């Protein structure tokens, strides 16, 4: 079973609209059996930026947001896989180890601007495709879920 290092004992309550909910095998909760994040909470985590080509854009795109592993650490997640769900209820399974093996981010910004729902936002799990040729593969493209709303840790 994979684990994420403990980073904090509690998670503040969201003060604005919740944009991401985590559930399942998590050790820190702030809303019943779940951990809820508003945009400010996600942006308070260490932010990372990379530029990469994607199958969905004509030009390289610069994404910014917290690393997936940092979000998982904030809730003391433990598991083997992540079930990610989009606003339209599209679901994808992401191996837990991807959060550690690759510098996957939960992008909150694309080319410096917060992403609208119509532009794959407000949250988009993105792999740094250009950093490793192995990431330019359908399985990683499928794991790059946009309009992310929830992650269930199993």
Foldseek 3Di string as FASTA:
>chain_A
DDWAAADDDEDDDEPDDWQEKEAAQFQYDDPVRINTDDPVSFVVADKDWDWADAPVDPDIKIFMTQQPSRVRNHRGGDAQWKWWAAPVRDTDIGGPCCSVVFRWGFTCDINRHQDDVVRLDNTWTDTRCVVDVVCPDPNNNVVGHGNTHYMYGD
